[in-house]
């Protein structure tokens, strides 16, 4: 399996299966894998317990860590031209900040984000895994992170809305909205292969709605 692209980001809502599929795809195409270091964010569990108090702290911690990681990894990739598969894109920080921060704090965050974003290479493909709500809930339960188990459906819906709002008119890269409701990457390898064939298909930049 070969990729016509050098930098692919796997995106989607909480529990969409990003890390599982990104890990599989990187191995399948012989690419370098970059995973988000969410466990290093000291505010994440506190945010789920008290969102209003810790929203700004959790988003600042995420954006700074993502920026550092991308600067380090993309710089090395540009030197050696490795294929890079990531389980997030930098714009994820903006999407979650828009969902979680009050307007004045978001304006400040957005200014800082734009300065950082201008210094980073953009993915050639952003593959947004978009399973239905029932599948997302099931996958959140299966991975067993205690602080996620009581997450309100309203919050997941809000995150989905902001993904749709941001990427609806995205320009410059290939944005693939992929309905993955019927797929099981773990139990059925053929499902992962089918999804990979969609992600790796040569396309012109634009927004695509696809069914796996």
Protein backbone atom coordinates (compact mmCIF):
# COMPACT_ATOMS: atom_id res chain seq x y z
CA UNK A 1 0.00 0.00 0.00
CA UNK A 2 1.49 3.34 -1.07
CA UNK A 3 0.52 6.93 -0.37
CA UNK A 4 0.60 9.74 -2.93
CA UNK A 5 0.68 12.17 0.00
CA UNK A 6 3.46 13.05 2.43
CA UNK A 7 1.39 14.35 5.36
CA UNK A 8 -2.00 12.93 6.37
CA UNK A 9 -4.02 13.89 9.45
CA UNK A 10 -6.75 11.62 10.81
CA UNK A 11 -9.40 13.72 12.53
CA UNK A 12 -12.84 13.45 14.10
CA UNK A 13 -14.83 13.73 17.29
CA UNK A 14 -13.85 12.29 20.66
CA UNK A 15 -14.02 8.50 20.38
CA UNK A 16 -14.17 8.44 16.56
CA UNK A 17 -11.29 5.95 16.24
CA UNK A 18 -8.55 8.37 15.13
CA UNK A 19 -5.64 6.83 16.99
CA UNK A 20 -6.58 3.25 16.12
CA UNK A 21 -6.81 3.96 12.41
CA UNK A 22 -3.79 6.30 12.26
CA UNK A 23 -1.67 3.61 13.90
CA UNK A 24 -2.88 0.98 11.43
CA UNK A 25 -2.40 3.26 8.43
CA UNK A 26 1.14 4.30 9.38
CA UNK A 27 2.16 0.66 9.60
CA UNK A 28 0.40 -0.22 6.34
CA UNK A 29 2.13 2.51 4.32
CA UNK A 30 5.46 2.46 6.16
CA UNK A 31 4.98 5.99 7.45
CA UNK A 32 6.07 7.80 10.57
CA UNK A 33 3.32 7.89 13.20
CA UNK A 34 2.63 10.98 15.31
CA UNK A 35 0.13 10.59 18.16
CA UNK A 36 -1.28 13.34 20.31
CA UNK A 37 0.18 13.31 23.83
CA UNK A 38 -3.13 14.00 25.56
CA UNK A 39 -2.06 12.20 28.73
CA UNK A 40 0.58 14.89 29.32
CA UNK A 41 -2.05 17.63 29.69
CA UNK A 42 -2.31 18.22 33.46
CA UNK A 43 -5.67 19.98 33.12
CA UNK A 44 -7.61 17.40 31.12
CA UNK A 45 -9.26 15.46 33.94
CA UNK A 46 -9.83 18.73 35.82
CA UNK A 47 -11.57 20.15 32.75
CA UNK A 48 -14.05 17.29 32.57
CA UNK A 49 -14.81 17.76 36.28
CA UNK A 50 -15.14 21.57 36.07
CA UNK A 51 -15.29 22.79 32.44
CA UNK A 52 -15.87 26.48 33.14
CA UNK A 53 -12.92 26.78 35.50
CA UNK A 54 -10.36 24.83 33.47
CA UNK A 55 -11.37 25.41 29.83
CA UNK A 56 -8.73 28.04 29.08
CA UNK A 57 -6.00 26.13 30.91
CA UNK A 58 -6.71 22.87 29.08
CA UNK A 59 -6.81 24.55 25.65
CA UNK A 60 -3.59 26.53 26.22
CA UNK A 61 -1.83 23.37 27.37
CA UNK A 62 -3.04 21.46 24.30
CA UNK A 63 -2.17 24.13 21.74
CA UNK A 64 1.32 24.67 23.10
CA UNK A 65 2.06 20.94 23.21
CA UNK A 66 0.65 20.33 19.71
CA UNK A 67 2.65 23.24 18.34
CA UNK A 68 5.88 21.96 19.90
CA UNK A 69 5.29 18.43 18.65
CA UNK A 70 4.43 19.51 15.11
CA UNK A 71 7.40 21.89 14.87
CA UNK A 72 9.74 19.10 15.92
CA UNK A 73 8.28 16.35 13.75
CA UNK A 74 7.47 18.37 10.64
CA UNK A 75 10.90 19.94 10.67
CA UNK A 76 12.52 16.51 10.65
CA UNK A 77 10.10 15.27 8.00
CA UNK A 78 10.93 18.17 5.71
CA UNK A 79 14.61 17.27 5.93
CA UNK A 80 14.17 13.59 5.12
CA UNK A 81 10.77 13.54 3.37
CA UNK A 82 9.27 10.78 5.48
CA UNK A 83 5.58 10.10 5.14
CA UNK A 84 3.86 11.39 8.29
CA UNK A 85 0.55 10.08 9.63
CA UNK A 86 -0.92 12.02 12.59
CA UNK A 87 -4.00 11.34 14.70
CA UNK A 88 -4.80 15.06 14.89
CA UNK A 89 -4.37 18.29 12.97
CA UNK A 90 -3.26 21.56 14.53
CA UNK A 91 -6.61 23.20 13.76
CA UNK A 92 -8.15 20.82 16.30
CA UNK A 93 -7.02 23.33 18.93
CA UNK A 94 -9.06 26.10 17.32
CA UNK A 95 -12.14 23.89 16.95
CA UNK A 96 -12.14 22.80 20.60
CA UNK A 97 -11.35 26.30 21.83
CA UNK A 98 -14.33 27.67 19.88
CA UNK A 99 -16.54 25.04 21.52
CA UNK A 100 -15.19 25.47 25.05
CA UNK A 101 -14.18 29.11 25.60
CA UNK A 102 -16.30 32.21 26.18
CA UNK A 103 -16.15 34.77 23.37
CA UNK A 104 -13.52 37.11 24.85
CA UNK A 105 -11.15 34.31 25.78
CA UNK A 106 -11.62 32.72 22.36
CA UNK A 107 -10.65 35.97 20.59
CA UNK A 108 -7.39 36.02 22.55
CA UNK A 109 -6.80 32.33 21.87
CA UNK A 110 -7.53 32.78 18.16
CA UNK A 111 -4.92 35.55 17.85
CA UNK A 112 -2.26 33.32 19.39
CA UNK A 113 -3.36 30.31 17.33
CA UNK A 114 -3.04 32.19 14.03
CA UNK A 115 0.56 33.18 14.83
CA UNK A 116 1.43 29.55 15.54
CA UNK A 117 -0.53 28.10 12.63
CA UNK A 118 1.25 30.33 10.11
CA UNK A 119 4.52 28.57 10.97
CA UNK A 120 3.30 25.02 10.40
CA UNK A 121 2.92 22.94 7.26
CA UNK A 122 -0.66 21.88 6.55
CA UNK A 123 -1.78 18.28 5.97
CA UNK A 124 -2.33 17.35 2.35
CA UNK A 125 -5.25 15.18 3.50
CA UNK A 126 -7.50 15.64 6.53
CA UNK A 127 -9.57 12.46 6.89
CA UNK A 128 -12.43 13.11 9.30
CA UNK A 129 -13.82 9.87 10.73
CA UNK A 130 -17.53 10.46 11.28
CA UNK A 131 -19.30 7.51 12.95
CA UNK A 132 -22.80 7.94 14.34
CA UNK A 133 -23.42 8.95 17.95
CA UNK A 134 -24.10 5.40 19.15
CA UNK A 135 -20.78 4.13 17.82
CA UNK A 136 -18.87 7.04 19.34
CA UNK A 137 -20.44 6.35 22.72
CA UNK A 138 -19.62 2.64 22.46
CA UNK A 139 -15.98 3.33 21.58
CA UNK A 140 -15.62 5.82 24.45
CA UNK A 141 -16.91 3.15 26.82
CA UNK A 142 -14.61 0.49 25.38
CA UNK A 143 -11.42 2.50 25.78
CA UNK A 144 -12.26 3.00 29.43
CA UNK A 145 -10.92 6.42 30.36
CA UNK A 146 -12.72 7.12 33.61
CA UNK A 147 -13.02 10.88 33.12
CA UNK A 148 -14.81 10.40 29.77
CA UNK A 149 -17.49 7.96 30.86
CA UNK A 150 -20.03 10.55 32.01
CA UNK A 151 -19.46 12.92 29.09
CA UNK A 152 -22.79 14.52 28.11
CA UNK A 153 -24.07 13.77 24.64
CA UNK A 154 -24.65 17.50 24.27
CA UNK A 155 -20.90 18.07 24.51
CA UNK A 156 -20.13 15.50 21.82
CA UNK A 157 -22.80 17.08 19.62
CA UNK A 158 -21.26 20.51 20.16
CA UNK A 159 -17.81 19.29 19.13
CA UNK A 160 -19.30 17.66 16.02
CA UNK A 161 -21.05 20.91 15.13
CA UNK A 162 -17.82 22.91 15.35
CA UNK A 163 -15.95 20.40 13.21
CA UNK A 164 -18.65 20.71 10.57
CA UNK A 165 -18.69 24.47 10.78
CA UNK A 166 -14.92 24.76 10.41
CA UNK A 167 -14.36 22.24 7.63
CA UNK A 168 -17.46 22.94 5.57
CA UNK A 169 -15.63 25.49 3.47
CA UNK A 170 -12.03 24.41 4.08
CA UNK A 171 -9.59 25.33 1.35
CA UNK A 172 -6.13 24.21 0.30
CA UNK A 173 -6.17 20.54 1.31
CA UNK A 174 -8.31 17.47 0.76
CA UNK A 175 -10.93 17.27 3.49
CA UNK A 176 -12.63 13.85 3.55
CA UNK A 177 -15.80 13.46 5.62
CA UNK A 178 -16.06 9.68 5.95
CA UNK A 179 -19.04 7.91 7.49
CA UNK A 180 -17.40 5.08 9.46
CA UNK A 181 -20.48 3.96 11.40
CA UNK A 182 -20.39 0.42 9.97
CA UNK A 183 -16.63 -0.17 10.28
CA UNK A 184 -14.67 -2.08 12.92
CA UNK A 185 -10.92 -1.57 12.43
CA UNK A 186 -9.98 -3.97 15.23
CA UNK A 187 -12.14 -7.00 14.43
CA UNK A 188 -12.25 -6.66 10.63
CA UNK A 189 -8.93 -5.77 8.94
CA UNK A 190 -10.75 -5.49 5.62
CA UNK A 191 -12.60 -2.47 7.02
CA UNK A 192 -9.31 -0.71 7.70
CA UNK A 193 -8.11 -1.56 4.20
CA UNK A 194 -11.28 -0.16 2.66
CA UNK A 195 -10.96 3.06 4.65
CA UNK A 196 -7.29 3.35 3.72
CA UNK A 197 -8.13 3.07 0.03
CA UNK A 198 -10.48 6.04 0.42
CA UNK A 199 -7.95 8.14 2.31
CA UNK A 200 -5.09 7.39 -0.10
CA UNK A 201 -7.01 7.89 -3.35
CA UNK A 202 -5.52 10.71 -5.46
CA UNK A 203 -7.82 13.74 -5.34
CA UNK A 204 -7.80 17.43 -6.07
CA UNK A 205 -8.06 19.75 -3.04
CA UNK A 206 -11.64 20.16 -1.86
CA UNK A 207 -14.25 18.91 0.59
CA UNK A 208 -15.63 15.39 -0.01
CA UNK A 209 -18.43 13.47 1.72
CA UNK A 210 -17.80 9.74 1.52
CA UNK A 211 -19.16 6.45 2.85
CA UNK A 212 -16.70 3.74 3.86
